[in-house]
N, C-alpha and C. Protein backbone atom coordinates (compact mmCIF):
# COMPACT_ATOMS: atom_id res chain seq x y z
N UNK A 1 49.13 -24.70 -54.53
CA UNK A 1 48.23 -23.62 -55.11
C UNK A 1 47.91 -22.91 -53.85
N UNK A 2 48.19 -21.44 -53.58
CA UNK A 2 47.88 -20.56 -52.32
C UNK A 2 46.71 -19.79 -53.47
N UNK A 3 45.54 -19.64 -52.19
CA UNK A 3 44.39 -19.00 -52.25
C UNK A 3 43.99 -18.26 -51.26
N UNK A 4 43.47 -16.93 -52.22
CA UNK A 4 43.41 -15.63 -50.88
C UNK A 4 41.76 -15.21 -50.99
N UNK A 5 41.27 -15.55 -49.66
CA UNK A 5 39.93 -14.90 -49.48
C UNK A 5 39.79 -13.68 -48.59
N UNK A 6 38.96 -12.76 -49.22
CA UNK A 6 39.04 -11.82 -48.43
C UNK A 6 37.54 -11.74 -48.26
N UNK A 7 36.86 -11.79 -46.91
CA UNK A 7 35.68 -11.12 -46.44
C UNK A 7 35.41 -9.80 -46.02
N UNK A 8 34.39 -9.35 -46.97
CA UNK A 8 33.82 -7.93 -46.89
C UNK A 8 33.08 -7.36 -46.96
N UNK A 9 32.17 -6.24 -47.12
CA UNK A 9 30.78 -5.98 -46.71
C UNK A 9 30.52 -4.58 -47.54
N UNK A 10 29.46 -4.76 -48.15
CA UNK A 10 29.45 -3.06 -48.93
C UNK A 10 29.37 -2.16 -47.55
N UNK A 11 29.91 -0.88 -48.31
CA UNK A 11 29.96 0.22 -47.77
C UNK A 11 31.35 0.38 -46.76
N UNK A 12 31.77 -0.75 -46.44
CA UNK A 12 32.83 -0.48 -45.52
C UNK A 12 34.49 -0.02 -46.35
N UNK A 13 34.70 1.02 -45.89
CA UNK A 13 35.99 1.78 -46.64
C UNK A 13 37.11 1.10 -46.57
N UNK A 14 37.15 0.50 -44.90
CA UNK A 14 38.64 -0.38 -44.99
C UNK A 14 38.33 -1.65 -46.41
N UNK A 15 37.50 -2.27 -46.24
CA UNK A 15 37.58 -3.39 -47.13
C UNK A 15 37.57 -2.61 -48.58
N UNK A 16 37.22 -1.63 -48.94
CA UNK A 16 37.25 -1.34 -50.24
C UNK A 16 38.90 -0.84 -50.45
N UNK A 17 39.62 -0.45 -49.35
CA UNK A 17 40.99 0.08 -49.32
C UNK A 17 41.72 -1.12 -49.58
N UNK A 18 41.23 -2.40 -49.02
CA UNK A 18 42.14 -3.45 -48.72
C UNK A 18 41.97 -4.35 -50.43
N UNK A 19 40.87 -4.12 -50.81
CA UNK A 19 40.55 -5.06 -52.30
C UNK A 19 41.50 -4.23 -53.20
N UNK A 20 41.72 -2.58 -53.03
CA UNK A 20 42.39 -1.66 -53.94
C UNK A 20 44.06 -2.39 -53.54
N UNK A 21 44.60 -2.23 -52.29
CA UNK A 21 46.10 -2.85 -51.96
C UNK A 21 46.18 -4.05 -52.69
N UNK A 22 45.42 -4.81 -52.78
CA UNK A 22 45.69 -6.60 -53.16
C UNK A 22 45.65 -5.82 -54.72
N UNK A 23 44.69 -5.34 -55.32
CA UNK A 23 44.71 -5.29 -56.91
C UNK A 23 45.82 -4.43 -57.46
N UNK A 24 46.53 -3.34 -56.57
CA UNK A 24 47.13 -2.82 -56.94
C UNK A 24 48.98 -3.39 -56.68
N UNK A 25 48.89 -4.37 -55.92
CA UNK A 25 49.82 -5.11 -55.67
C UNK A 25 50.27 -6.28 -56.85
N UNK A 26 49.02 -6.73 -57.37
CA UNK A 26 48.75 -7.76 -58.39
C UNK A 26 48.70 -9.38 -57.53
N UNK A 27 47.87 -9.08 -56.38
CA UNK A 27 47.87 -10.49 -55.73
C UNK A 27 46.29 -10.58 -55.99
N UNK A 28 46.16 -12.21 -56.59
CA UNK A 28 44.74 -12.47 -56.84
C UNK A 28 44.01 -13.07 -55.92
N UNK A 29 42.77 -12.58 -55.64
CA UNK A 29 41.89 -12.85 -54.56
C UNK A 29 40.77 -13.02 -54.98
N UNK A 30 39.77 -13.69 -54.21
CA UNK A 30 38.28 -13.65 -54.21
C UNK A 30 37.57 -13.02 -53.07
N UNK A 31 36.87 -11.91 -53.25
CA UNK A 31 36.35 -11.33 -52.66
C UNK A 31 34.63 -11.94 -52.05
N UNK A 32 34.70 -11.90 -50.61
CA UNK A 32 33.81 -12.75 -50.47
C UNK A 32 32.73 -11.60 -49.49
N UNK A 33 31.49 -10.94 -50.25
CA UNK A 33 30.43 -10.19 -49.39
C UNK A 33 29.98 -11.47 -48.50
N UNK A 34 29.98 -10.64 -47.01
CA UNK A 34 29.61 -11.41 -45.96
C UNK A 34 28.16 -11.31 -45.75
N UNK A 35 27.39 -10.55 -46.62
CA UNK A 35 25.87 -10.97 -46.87
C UNK A 35 25.57 -11.83 -48.04
N UNK A 36 26.23 -12.27 -48.92
CA UNK A 36 26.02 -13.16 -49.82
C UNK A 36 26.64 -14.53 -49.44
N UNK A 37 27.65 -14.53 -48.63
CA UNK A 37 28.13 -15.98 -48.18
C UNK A 37 27.90 -15.75 -46.57
N UNK A 38 26.77 -15.32 -45.98
CA UNK A 38 26.45 -15.56 -44.88
C UNK A 38 26.87 -16.66 -43.80
N UNK A 39 26.40 -17.91 -44.15
CA UNK A 39 26.39 -18.99 -43.77
C UNK A 39 28.18 -19.31 -43.53
N UNK A 40 28.69 -18.79 -44.49
CA UNK A 40 30.38 -19.26 -44.58
C UNK A 40 30.79 -18.40 -43.69
N UNK A 41 30.67 -16.93 -43.68
CA UNK A 41 30.98 -16.12 -43.44
C UNK A 41 30.85 -16.51 -41.29
N UNK A 42 29.65 -17.05 -40.93
CA UNK A 42 29.11 -17.27 -39.91
C UNK A 42 30.02 -18.27 -39.47
N UNK A 43 30.59 -19.16 -39.82
CA UNK A 43 32.06 -20.16 -39.46
C UNK A 43 32.93 -19.63 -39.34
N UNK A 44 33.41 -18.64 -40.16
CA UNK A 44 34.53 -17.74 -39.66
C UNK A 44 34.61 -16.98 -38.63
N UNK A 45 33.40 -16.53 -38.55
CA UNK A 45 33.51 -15.91 -36.96
C UNK A 45 33.19 -16.96 -36.06
N UNK A 46 32.57 -17.81 -36.38
CA UNK A 46 32.64 -19.11 -34.98
C UNK A 46 34.01 -19.46 -34.68
N UNK A 47 34.80 -19.45 -36.06
CA UNK A 47 36.26 -20.08 -35.64
C UNK A 47 37.10 -18.97 -35.18
N UNK A 48 37.09 -17.47 -35.28
CA UNK A 48 37.69 -16.62 -35.28
C UNK A 48 37.56 -16.20 -33.90
N UNK A 49 36.20 -16.14 -33.65
CA UNK A 49 35.64 -15.21 -32.61
C UNK A 49 35.88 -13.47 -32.82
N UNK A 50 35.64 -13.15 -33.98
CA UNK A 50 35.61 -11.72 -34.66
C UNK A 50 34.94 -11.74 -35.61
N UNK A 51 33.97 -10.41 -35.45
CA UNK A 51 33.53 -9.72 -36.48
C UNK A 51 34.25 -8.73 -37.36
N UNK A 52 35.11 -8.58 -37.02
CA UNK A 52 36.00 -7.40 -37.88
C UNK A 52 36.28 -7.38 -39.01
N UNK A 53 36.13 -6.66 -39.75
CA UNK A 53 36.34 -6.62 -41.37
C UNK A 53 37.58 -5.68 -42.04
N UNK A 54 38.22 -5.80 -43.49
CA UNK A 54 38.33 -7.03 -43.83
C UNK A 54 38.95 -8.02 -43.32
N UNK A 55 38.87 -9.19 -43.59
CA UNK A 55 39.16 -10.35 -42.65
C UNK A 55 39.82 -11.74 -43.78
N UNK A 56 40.63 -12.59 -43.60
CA UNK A 56 41.17 -13.27 -44.66
C UNK A 56 40.82 -14.69 -44.37
N UNK A 57 40.67 -15.69 -45.29
CA UNK A 57 40.95 -16.83 -45.34
C UNK A 57 41.85 -17.29 -46.38
N UNK A 58 43.44 -17.69 -45.74
CA UNK A 58 44.23 -18.00 -46.99
C UNK A 58 44.35 -19.56 -46.80
N UNK A 59 44.39 -20.51 -48.12
CA UNK A 59 44.25 -21.67 -48.12
C UNK A 59 45.44 -21.83 -49.15
N UNK A 60 45.82 -23.20 -48.83
CA UNK A 60 46.77 -23.99 -49.52
C UNK A 60 46.03 -25.26 -50.38
N UNK A 61 46.08 -25.24 -51.35
CA UNK A 61 45.90 -26.46 -52.14
C UNK A 61 46.51 -27.38 -52.65
N UNK A 62 46.75 -28.78 -52.48
CA UNK A 62 47.76 -29.52 -53.02
C UNK A 62 47.03 -29.74 -54.23
N UNK A 63 47.98 -31.09 -54.84
CA UNK A 63 47.01 -31.78 -55.78
C UNK A 63 45.70 -32.38 -55.86
N UNK A 64 44.88 -32.24 -56.59
CA UNK A 64 43.55 -32.81 -56.45
C UNK A 64 43.13 -31.97 -55.70
N UNK A 65 42.91 -30.51 -55.53
CA UNK A 65 42.34 -29.60 -54.65
C UNK A 65 42.37 -29.89 -53.20
N UNK A 66 43.16 -30.51 -52.68
CA UNK A 66 43.16 -31.17 -51.37
C UNK A 66 43.47 -29.91 -50.91
N UNK A 67 43.22 -29.66 -49.68
CA UNK A 67 43.50 -28.41 -48.74
C UNK A 67 44.47 -29.05 -47.59
N UNK A 68 45.57 -28.42 -47.93
CA UNK A 68 46.73 -28.64 -46.79
C UNK A 68 46.77 -27.77 -45.65
N UNK A 69 46.41 -26.65 -45.66
CA UNK A 69 46.55 -25.72 -44.51
C UNK A 69 45.60 -24.79 -45.10
N UNK A 70 44.89 -23.84 -43.98
CA UNK A 70 44.10 -22.44 -43.93
C UNK A 70 44.59 -22.01 -42.64
N UNK A 71 44.74 -20.87 -42.99
CA UNK A 71 45.25 -19.66 -42.27
C UNK A 71 43.96 -18.70 -42.19
N UNK A 72 43.66 -18.22 -41.03
CA UNK A 72 42.17 -17.29 -40.55
C UNK A 72 43.01 -16.13 -40.27
N UNK A 73 42.81 -14.64 -40.85
CA UNK A 73 43.42 -13.38 -39.95
C UNK A 73 42.19 -12.30 -40.11
N UNK A 74 42.12 -12.03 -38.67
CA UNK A 74 41.33 -10.68 -38.40
C UNK A 74 41.96 -9.45 -37.86
N UNK A 75 41.53 -8.62 -38.76
CA UNK A 75 42.01 -7.33 -37.97
C UNK A 75 42.13 -7.00 -36.58
N UNK A 76 43.07 -6.12 -36.16
CA UNK A 76 43.37 -6.03 -34.36
C UNK A 76 43.77 -7.64 -33.43
N UNK A 77 43.61 -8.78 -34.43
CA UNK A 77 44.55 -9.70 -33.51
C UNK A 77 45.56 -10.27 -34.52
N UNK A 78 45.35 -10.22 -36.04
CA UNK A 78 46.21 -10.48 -36.40
C UNK A 78 47.41 -9.61 -37.04
N UNK A 79 46.25 -8.84 -37.59
CA UNK A 79 47.26 -7.32 -38.03
C UNK A 79 46.27 -6.31 -37.67
N UNK A 80 47.36 -4.76 -37.23
CA UNK A 80 46.69 -3.80 -36.77
C UNK A 80 46.38 -2.87 -37.80
N UNK A 81 46.98 -3.12 -38.87
CA UNK A 81 46.44 -2.16 -40.34
C UNK A 81 46.55 -2.84 -41.40
N UNK A 82 45.60 -1.61 -42.42
CA UNK A 82 46.24 -2.73 -43.80
C UNK A 82 47.61 -2.95 -44.37
N UNK A 83 48.57 -1.88 -44.42
CA UNK A 83 49.74 -2.34 -44.45
C UNK A 83 50.12 -3.68 -43.96
N UNK A 84 49.86 -3.92 -42.83
CA UNK A 84 50.45 -4.83 -42.00
C UNK A 84 50.03 -6.09 -42.61
N UNK A 85 48.69 -5.96 -42.98
CA UNK A 85 47.30 -7.26 -43.71
C UNK A 85 48.29 -7.29 -44.79
N UNK A 86 48.54 -6.42 -45.68
CA UNK A 86 49.06 -6.88 -47.03
C UNK A 86 50.15 -7.52 -46.88
N UNK A 87 51.19 -6.93 -45.86
CA UNK A 87 52.57 -7.56 -45.79
C UNK A 87 52.39 -9.24 -45.20
N UNK A 88 51.30 -9.40 -44.87
CA UNK A 88 51.44 -10.83 -44.09
C UNK A 88 50.68 -11.99 -45.12
N UNK A 89 49.81 -10.99 -46.18
CA UNK A 89 49.48 -11.82 -47.44
C UNK A 89 50.60 -11.95 -48.11
N UNK A 90 51.16 -10.89 -48.59
CA UNK A 90 52.68 -10.98 -49.42
C UNK A 90 53.61 -12.46 -48.90
N UNK A 91 53.40 -12.15 -47.62
CA UNK A 91 54.60 -13.13 -46.74
C UNK A 91 53.97 -14.70 -47.20
N UNK A 92 52.57 -14.87 -47.24
CA UNK A 92 51.93 -16.00 -47.40
C UNK A 92 52.34 -16.67 -48.77
N UNK A 93 51.76 -15.73 -49.59
CA UNK A 93 51.97 -16.15 -50.75
C UNK A 93 53.60 -16.56 -51.53
N UNK A 94 54.41 -15.98 -50.68
CA UNK A 94 55.77 -16.44 -51.13
C UNK A 94 56.35 -17.57 -50.73
């Protein structure tokens, strides 16, 4: 099973647009507000060396919910715009 987590923050227009694009594409995702999940997001920033949003954690879970793969995606490094981010998420899910 593959899982999409999107890190966002209130008032971020790009974050809101990304969530709308994911929903319109019927992609199931979990939205994580960086203020509510600050410790988790801090670890994400430490791993990616980027605080840009929206950012993604793509997780593949095997039987027993064991994680077999984690991909981290951040703007300006892994994608240039929201359309490219959506394409990469769709590619990951297929």
